[in-house]
Amino acid sequence: MSRHLIAEKYISVHSGAFLIRELRESQPYLADGGLHQVGKLMLAAADEIEHLQARIRGLERASFVRRS
């Protein structure tokens, strides 16, 4: 199975944890290659995904509380 297919399966099962980790881990390699701005964008993307996931969880909890 290709890494891409494994990543897709892992992402869907674990709510983006794989993607966030890959974005964060790619930053030093990009910086070493002279792509500092791209590395910063990768970190910003990981932060934004985490922020949005937390927001979604909060909205889901609020929706659940209202239905109860």
N, C-alpha and C. Protein backbone atom coordinates (compact mmCIF):
# COMPACT_ATOMS: atom_id res chain seq x y z
N MET A 1 0.86 -1.18 0.00
CA MET A 1 0.00 0.00 0.00
C MET A 1 0.90 1.24 0.00
N SER A 2 0.58 2.21 -0.83
CA SER A 2 1.42 3.40 -0.91
C SER A 2 1.27 4.25 0.34
N ARG A 3 2.26 5.10 0.58
CA ARG A 3 2.22 5.98 1.75
C ARG A 3 1.01 6.90 1.66
N HIS A 4 0.66 7.34 0.45
CA HIS A 4 -0.48 8.23 0.26
C HIS A 4 -1.77 7.56 0.73
N LEU A 5 -1.96 6.31 0.35
CA LEU A 5 -3.18 5.62 0.76
C LEU A 5 -3.20 5.38 2.27
N ILE A 6 -2.05 5.06 2.83
CA ILE A 6 -1.97 4.87 4.27
C ILE A 6 -2.29 6.18 4.97
N ALA A 7 -1.75 7.29 4.46
CA ALA A 7 -2.01 8.60 5.06
C ALA A 7 -3.49 8.93 5.01
N GLU A 8 -4.14 8.69 3.89
CA GLU A 8 -5.57 8.98 3.77
C GLU A 8 -6.37 8.19 4.80
N LYS A 9 -6.04 6.93 4.95
CA LYS A 9 -6.76 6.09 5.92
C LYS A 9 -6.51 6.60 7.34
N TYR A 10 -5.27 6.95 7.65
CA TYR A 10 -4.93 7.41 8.99
C TYR A 10 -5.60 8.74 9.29
N ILE A 11 -5.61 9.63 8.32
CA ILE A 11 -6.23 10.94 8.53
C ILE A 11 -7.70 10.78 8.83
N SER A 12 -8.40 9.97 8.05
CA SER A 12 -9.83 9.84 8.25
C SER A 12 -10.15 9.20 9.60
N VAL A 13 -9.30 8.32 10.06
CA VAL A 13 -9.55 7.62 11.33
C VAL A 13 -9.15 8.49 12.52
N HIS A 14 -8.14 9.29 12.38
CA HIS A 14 -7.58 10.01 13.51
C HIS A 14 -7.72 11.53 13.41
N SER A 15 -8.73 12.01 12.74
CA SER A 15 -9.08 13.43 12.72
C SER A 15 -7.95 14.36 12.34
N GLY A 16 -7.15 14.01 11.37
CA GLY A 16 -6.12 14.90 10.90
C GLY A 16 -4.82 14.87 11.66
N ALA A 17 -4.69 14.01 12.65
CA ALA A 17 -3.47 13.97 13.46
C ALA A 17 -2.24 13.70 12.59
N PHE A 18 -2.39 12.81 11.63
CA PHE A 18 -1.27 12.49 10.75
C PHE A 18 -0.86 13.72 9.94
N LEU A 19 -1.83 14.41 9.38
CA LEU A 19 -1.54 15.59 8.56
C LEU A 19 -0.86 16.67 9.39
N ILE A 20 -1.36 16.92 10.57
CA ILE A 20 -0.76 17.94 11.44
C ILE A 20 0.68 17.59 11.76
N ARG A 21 0.91 16.33 12.11
CA ARG A 21 2.29 15.91 12.43
C ARG A 21 3.20 16.06 11.22
N GLU A 22 2.72 15.66 10.05
CA GLU A 22 3.54 15.78 8.84
C GLU A 22 3.86 17.24 8.52
N LEU A 23 2.90 18.12 8.67
CA LEU A 23 3.14 19.54 8.43
C LEU A 23 4.20 20.08 9.37
N ARG A 24 4.08 19.75 10.65
CA ARG A 24 5.04 20.23 11.64
C ARG A 24 6.44 19.64 11.41
N GLU A 25 6.49 18.37 11.09
CA GLU A 25 7.79 17.72 10.90
C GLU A 25 8.48 18.15 9.62
N SER A 26 7.75 18.66 8.65
CA SER A 26 8.36 19.08 7.39
C SER A 26 9.07 20.42 7.52
N GLN A 27 8.70 21.22 8.50
CA GLN A 27 9.26 22.56 8.63
C GLN A 27 10.79 22.60 8.71
N PRO A 28 11.43 21.83 9.58
CA PRO A 28 12.90 21.91 9.64
C PRO A 28 13.58 21.51 8.33
N TYR A 29 13.03 20.53 7.64
CA TYR A 29 13.62 20.10 6.37
C TYR A 29 13.49 21.18 5.32
N LEU A 30 12.37 21.85 5.31
CA LEU A 30 12.17 22.95 4.36
C LEU A 30 13.12 24.10 4.68
N ALA A 31 13.26 24.41 5.97
CA ALA A 31 14.16 25.49 6.37
C ALA A 31 15.61 25.15 6.00
N ASP A 32 16.01 23.90 6.21
CA ASP A 32 17.37 23.47 5.83
C ASP A 32 17.59 23.62 4.34
N GLY A 33 16.53 23.46 3.57
CA GLY A 33 16.62 23.60 2.12
C GLY A 33 16.48 25.02 1.63
N GLY A 34 16.43 25.97 2.56
CA GLY A 34 16.32 27.37 2.19
C GLY A 34 14.89 27.85 1.98
N LEU A 35 13.93 27.02 2.29
CA LEU A 35 12.53 27.38 2.08
C LEU A 35 11.88 27.78 3.42
N HIS A 36 12.44 28.80 4.04
CA HIS A 36 11.99 29.22 5.36
C HIS A 36 10.52 29.64 5.36
N GLN A 37 10.12 30.41 4.36
CA GLN A 37 8.74 30.88 4.31
C GLN A 37 7.75 29.72 4.14
N VAL A 38 8.11 28.75 3.33
CA VAL A 38 7.25 27.58 3.13
C VAL A 38 7.12 26.82 4.44
N GLY A 39 8.24 26.70 5.16
CA GLY A 39 8.21 26.04 6.47
C GLY A 39 7.29 26.76 7.44
N LYS A 40 7.33 28.09 7.43
CA LYS A 40 6.44 28.86 8.30
C LYS A 40 4.99 28.65 7.90
N LEU A 41 4.73 28.55 6.61
CA LEU A 41 3.36 28.29 6.14
C LEU A 41 2.88 26.92 6.60
N MET A 42 3.77 25.94 6.60
CA MET A 42 3.40 24.60 7.07
C MET A 42 3.01 24.63 8.55
N LEU A 43 3.78 25.35 9.35
CA LEU A 43 3.45 25.47 10.78
C LEU A 43 2.12 26.23 10.96
N ALA A 44 1.93 27.27 10.18
CA ALA A 44 0.68 28.03 10.27
C ALA A 44 -0.51 27.17 9.87
N ALA A 45 -0.34 26.33 8.86
CA ALA A 45 -1.42 25.44 8.43
C ALA A 45 -1.75 24.44 9.53
N ALA A 46 -0.74 23.88 10.16
CA ALA A 46 -0.97 22.93 11.26
C ALA A 46 -1.70 23.62 12.42
N ASP A 47 -1.28 24.84 12.75
CA ASP A 47 -1.94 25.60 13.82
C ASP A 47 -3.41 25.86 13.46
N GLU A 48 -3.66 26.24 12.22
CA GLU A 48 -5.02 26.54 11.79
C GLU A 48 -5.92 25.30 11.82
N ILE A 49 -5.37 24.17 11.40
CA ILE A 49 -6.15 22.92 11.45
C ILE A 49 -6.51 22.59 12.89
N GLU A 50 -5.54 22.71 13.79
CA GLU A 50 -5.82 22.43 15.20
C GLU A 50 -6.86 23.39 15.76
N HIS A 51 -6.75 24.67 15.39
CA HIS A 51 -7.71 25.66 15.85
C HIS A 51 -9.12 25.33 15.35
N LEU A 52 -9.22 24.99 14.07
CA LEU A 52 -10.53 24.66 13.50
C LEU A 52 -11.12 23.39 14.11
N GLN A 53 -10.27 22.41 14.36
CA GLN A 53 -10.75 21.18 14.99
C GLN A 53 -11.31 21.48 16.39
N ALA A 54 -10.61 22.32 17.14
CA ALA A 54 -11.09 22.69 18.48
C ALA A 54 -12.41 23.45 18.38
N ARG A 55 -12.52 24.31 17.40
CA ARG A 55 -13.76 25.06 17.21
C ARG A 55 -14.91 24.13 16.84
N ILE A 56 -14.65 23.17 15.97
CA ILE A 56 -15.68 22.20 15.58
C ILE A 56 -16.13 21.40 16.80
N ARG A 57 -15.15 20.92 17.60
CA ARG A 57 -15.51 20.16 18.81
C ARG A 57 -16.38 21.00 19.74
N GLY A 58 -16.03 22.28 19.90
CA GLY A 58 -16.82 23.15 20.75
C GLY A 58 -18.23 23.34 20.23
N LEU A 59 -18.38 23.51 18.93
CA LEU A 59 -19.70 23.66 18.33
C LEU A 59 -20.51 22.38 18.45
N GLU A 60 -19.84 21.24 18.28
CA GLU A 60 -20.54 19.96 18.42
C GLU A 60 -21.01 19.76 19.85
N ARG A 61 -20.18 20.11 20.83
CA ARG A 61 -20.58 19.99 22.23
C ARG A 61 -21.75 20.91 22.54
N ALA A 62 -21.69 22.14 22.03
CA ALA A 62 -22.78 23.08 22.27
C ALA A 62 -24.07 22.59 21.65
N SER A 63 -23.98 22.01 20.48
CA SER A 63 -25.15 21.48 19.79
C SER A 63 -25.72 20.28 20.56
N PHE A 64 -24.84 19.43 21.08
CA PHE A 64 -25.27 18.26 21.85
C PHE A 64 -25.97 18.70 23.13
N VAL A 65 -25.42 19.72 23.80
CA VAL A 65 -25.99 20.20 25.05
C VAL A 65 -27.39 20.76 24.79
N ARG A 66 -27.56 21.50 23.68
CA ARG A 66 -28.87 22.07 23.37
C ARG A 66 -29.90 21.00 23.07
N ARG A 67 -29.45 19.88 22.46
CA ARG A 67 -30.39 18.79 22.12
C ARG A 67 -30.76 17.96 23.33
N SER A 68 -29.93 17.97 24.35
CA SER A 68 -30.18 17.13 25.54
C SER A 68 -31.24 17.71 26.44
